[in-house]
Protein backbone atom coordinates (compact mmCIF):
# COMPACT_ATOMS: atom_id res chain seq x y z
CA MET A 1 -6.33 -54.92 -43.57
CA ARG A 2 -7.18 -52.64 -46.23
CA ASP A 3 -9.68 -54.86 -47.93
CA GLU A 4 -11.45 -56.28 -45.00
CA VAL A 5 -12.28 -52.49 -44.81
CA GLN A 6 -13.75 -51.94 -47.99
CA ASN A 7 -15.71 -55.02 -47.95
CA SER A 8 -17.03 -53.87 -44.11
CA ALA A 9 -17.69 -50.49 -45.86
CA LYS A 10 -19.49 -52.14 -48.84
CA LEU A 11 -21.38 -54.32 -46.46
CA PHE A 12 -22.40 -51.47 -44.35
CA PHE A 13 -23.26 -49.25 -47.47
CA SER A 14 -24.99 -52.86 -49.01
CA ASN A 15 -28.82 -53.25 -50.19
CA GLU A 16 -28.37 -55.79 -47.62
CA LEU A 17 -31.27 -54.84 -45.31
CA PHE A 18 -31.02 -56.86 -42.34
CA LEU A 19 -26.92 -56.53 -42.12
CA SER A 20 -27.40 -52.75 -42.47
CA ARG A 21 -29.68 -52.53 -39.98
CA ILE A 22 -27.55 -54.76 -37.25
CA TYR A 23 -24.48 -51.79 -37.99
CA THR A 24 -26.98 -48.90 -38.42
CA VAL A 25 -28.07 -50.36 -34.52
CA TRP A 26 -24.98 -50.83 -33.43
CA ALA A 27 -23.19 -47.41 -34.40
CA LEU A 28 -26.58 -45.83 -32.59
CA VAL A 29 -25.42 -48.04 -29.04
CA CYS A 30 -21.86 -47.64 -29.49
CA MET A 31 -22.60 -43.26 -29.94
CA VAL A 32 -25.33 -43.60 -26.96
CA LEU A 33 -22.45 -45.56 -24.58
CA PHE A 34 -19.56 -43.37 -25.48
CA GLY A 35 -21.74 -40.18 -25.49
CA PHE A 36 -23.43 -41.19 -22.05
CA PHE A 37 -19.82 -42.26 -20.60
CA ALA A 38 -17.67 -40.04 -22.49
CA ILE A 39 -19.23 -36.82 -23.88
CA GLY A 40 -21.15 -36.36 -20.51
CA PRO A 41 -18.13 -36.05 -18.30
CA LEU A 42 -16.44 -34.47 -21.17
CA ALA A 43 -18.90 -31.30 -21.60
CA PHE A 44 -19.22 -31.01 -17.47
CA SER A 45 -15.12 -30.86 -17.45
CA MET A 46 -15.29 -28.00 -20.06
CA GLY A 47 -18.10 -26.89 -18.18
CA LYS A 48 -16.13 -26.50 -15.24
CA LYS A 49 -13.09 -25.33 -17.59
CA VAL A 50 -15.12 -22.53 -19.13
CA THR A 51 -15.98 -20.98 -15.17
CA LEU A 52 -12.38 -21.25 -14.91
CA TYR A 53 -11.30 -19.67 -17.64
CA LYS A 54 -13.61 -16.57 -16.52
CA GLU A 55 -12.48 -16.33 -12.93
CA MET A 56 -8.62 -16.34 -13.98
CA ARG A 57 -9.41 -13.64 -16.57
CA ALA A 58 -11.11 -11.55 -14.04
CA LEU A 59 -8.03 -12.34 -11.81
CA ASN A 60 -5.64 -11.66 -14.15
CA TYR A 61 -7.50 -8.03 -15.00
CA GLY A 62 -7.23 -7.40 -11.34
CA LEU A 63 -3.64 -8.18 -11.29
CA ASN A 64 -2.71 -6.09 -14.34
CA VAL A 65 -4.49 -3.13 -12.83
CA LYS A 66 -2.44 -3.34 -9.61
CA LEU A 67 0.81 -3.98 -11.21
CA GLN A 68 0.27 -0.66 -13.30
CA SER A 69 -0.49 1.02 -10.25
CA LEU A 70 2.33 -0.26 -8.56
CA SER A 71 4.89 0.92 -11.42
CA GLU A 72 3.31 4.21 -11.08
CA LEU A 73 4.40 4.22 -7.35
CA SER A 74 7.43 2.61 -7.56
CA ALA A 75 8.25 5.61 -10.11
CA ASP A 76 6.68 7.70 -7.25
CA VAL A 77 9.10 6.47 -4.78
CA SER A 78 12.45 6.56 -7.08
CA VAL A 79 11.40 9.91 -6.93
CA ALA A 80 11.09 10.68 -3.41
CA GLU A 81 14.39 8.88 -2.56
CA ARG A 82 16.03 12.12 -3.93
CA PHE A 83 14.81 14.13 -1.00
CA GLY A 84 15.65 11.26 1.79
CA PRO A 85 18.41 13.30 3.44
CA ILE A 86 16.39 16.40 3.61
CA LEU A 87 13.69 14.47 5.15
CA GLU A 88 15.72 12.68 7.61
CA ALA A 89 16.81 16.81 8.82
CA THR A 90 13.76 17.61 8.90
CA VAL A 91 11.89 14.61 10.68
CA PRO A 92 14.48 12.30 11.80
CA LYS A 93 14.29 8.32 12.52
CA GLU A 94 15.37 8.62 15.91
CA LEU A 95 14.32 10.88 18.62
CA ASN A 96 16.93 12.85 19.75
CA THR A 97 15.64 15.71 22.08
CA HIS A 98 19.40 16.99 23.01
CA SER A 99 20.14 18.21 19.83
CA TYR A 100 17.14 20.13 19.37
CA MET A 101 17.09 21.43 22.85
CA VAL A 102 20.38 23.17 21.46
CA LEU A 103 18.75 24.49 18.39
CA PHE A 104 16.17 26.02 20.41
CA MET A 105 18.07 27.38 23.27
CA GLN A 106 19.92 29.26 20.13
CA GLN A 107 16.41 30.54 18.70
CA ALA A 108 15.35 31.66 22.25
CA ALA A 109 19.02 33.13 23.29
CA ALA A 110 18.31 34.98 19.65
CA SER A 111 15.40 36.31 20.85
CA GLY A 112 16.11 37.57 23.97
CA PHE A 113 14.75 34.25 25.88
CA SER A 114 16.87 32.20 28.68
CA VAL A 115 15.49 28.63 28.77
CA LYS A 116 14.29 27.89 32.31
CA ASN A 117 12.82 24.58 31.80
CA PHE A 118 12.57 22.01 29.12
CA VAL A 119 10.28 19.10 29.77
CA SER A 120 10.14 16.59 26.74
CA SER A 121 8.23 13.45 27.09
CA ALA A 122 10.18 10.22 26.71
CA GLU A 123 7.67 8.80 24.78
CA SER A 124 6.68 9.00 21.22
CA GLU A 125 3.23 8.78 20.35
CA GLY A 126 2.61 8.29 16.82
CA GLY A 127 5.71 9.85 15.96
CA GLU A 128 4.74 13.34 18.00
CA VAL A 129 6.96 14.19 21.05
CA PRO A 130 5.28 16.97 22.83
CA ILE A 131 7.47 19.67 24.87
CA VAL A 132 6.85 22.06 27.22
CA VAL A 133 9.24 25.01 27.87
CA ILE A 134 9.57 27.98 30.27
CA LEU A 135 11.10 31.20 29.13
CA GLU A 136 12.05 33.62 30.98
CA GLY A 137 12.68 37.39 30.08
CA THR A 138 12.07 40.06 27.50
CA GLY A 139 12.52 39.22 24.29
CA ASP A 140 10.62 39.26 21.02
CA LEU A 141 8.31 36.65 21.45
CA SER A 142 6.17 36.63 17.92
CA GLY A 143 9.81 36.69 16.51
CA PHE A 144 10.42 33.54 18.72
CA ILE A 145 7.41 32.05 17.32
CA SER A 146 8.27 32.68 13.90
CA ALA A 147 11.86 31.56 14.11
CA LEU A 148 10.94 27.95 15.75
CA GLU A 149 8.43 27.66 13.07
CA GLY A 150 10.85 28.38 10.52
CA MET A 151 13.61 25.83 12.10
CA GLN A 152 14.59 22.76 9.75
CA ARG A 153 13.36 20.31 12.23
CA VAL A 154 9.67 20.59 11.97
CA THR A 155 8.07 22.15 14.88
CA VAL A 156 4.52 23.09 15.44
CA VAL A 157 3.65 25.38 18.20
CA ASP A 158 0.29 24.41 20.00
CA SER A 159 -0.03 27.00 22.83
CA VAL A 160 1.81 29.76 24.48
CA LYS A 161 1.00 31.32 27.51
CA TYR A 162 2.98 34.64 28.48
CA GLU A 163 2.68 36.37 31.81
CA LYS A 164 4.20 39.64 32.70
CA LEU A 165 6.16 39.83 35.99
CA THR A 166 7.46 42.33 37.81
CA ASP A 167 10.87 42.67 36.75
CA SER A 168 10.34 40.25 33.57
CA ALA A 169 8.08 38.34 31.50
CA GLU A 170 7.71 34.37 31.58
CA ALA A 171 6.26 32.27 28.86
CA THR A 172 4.91 28.86 28.49
CA VAL A 173 5.24 27.51 25.26
CA ASN A 174 3.94 23.76 24.51
CA LEU A 175 4.92 22.44 21.52
CA ARG A 176 5.29 19.24 19.18
CA ILE A 177 8.15 17.59 17.35
CA PHE A 178 8.05 14.80 15.38
CA ASN A 179 9.80 11.67 14.16
CA LEU A 180 9.48 8.94 12.09
């Protein structure tokens, strides 16, 4: 076999003009045929792969940016988890207006008012629960409002209407509490 390859190589590079031209033409025909049927689809496939590679590289970069952002947020969440019990006391998950009403009445009594009417909304809109309270008495209204806003549970006083009656005063307080 080796001898045949050597003889073919010698014949290809020999001075025999006719055979060397046949081999040259045959080699060119093979290169054209294989080039047309093999190199074209290979180049087309490689072009698609380069495009896919660029897209994957851009996608990988975007994923790495999001991964870094998520790791920063994860660190923030782990720090915030320490404050969960405090948040639960300030803005509870469940709507419990009864316990809030008890604390409200204690603040009202400490300020010199009695609660005539306490009406809370049965529905929570976006976590906000509106409450309308009517107070009676001649207490310190500014101290009462300050005490309400200083309660552990978040309370926002929206409006206060104060009316002086003949023997006492009446105050209507619109406020909001929150739940998660």
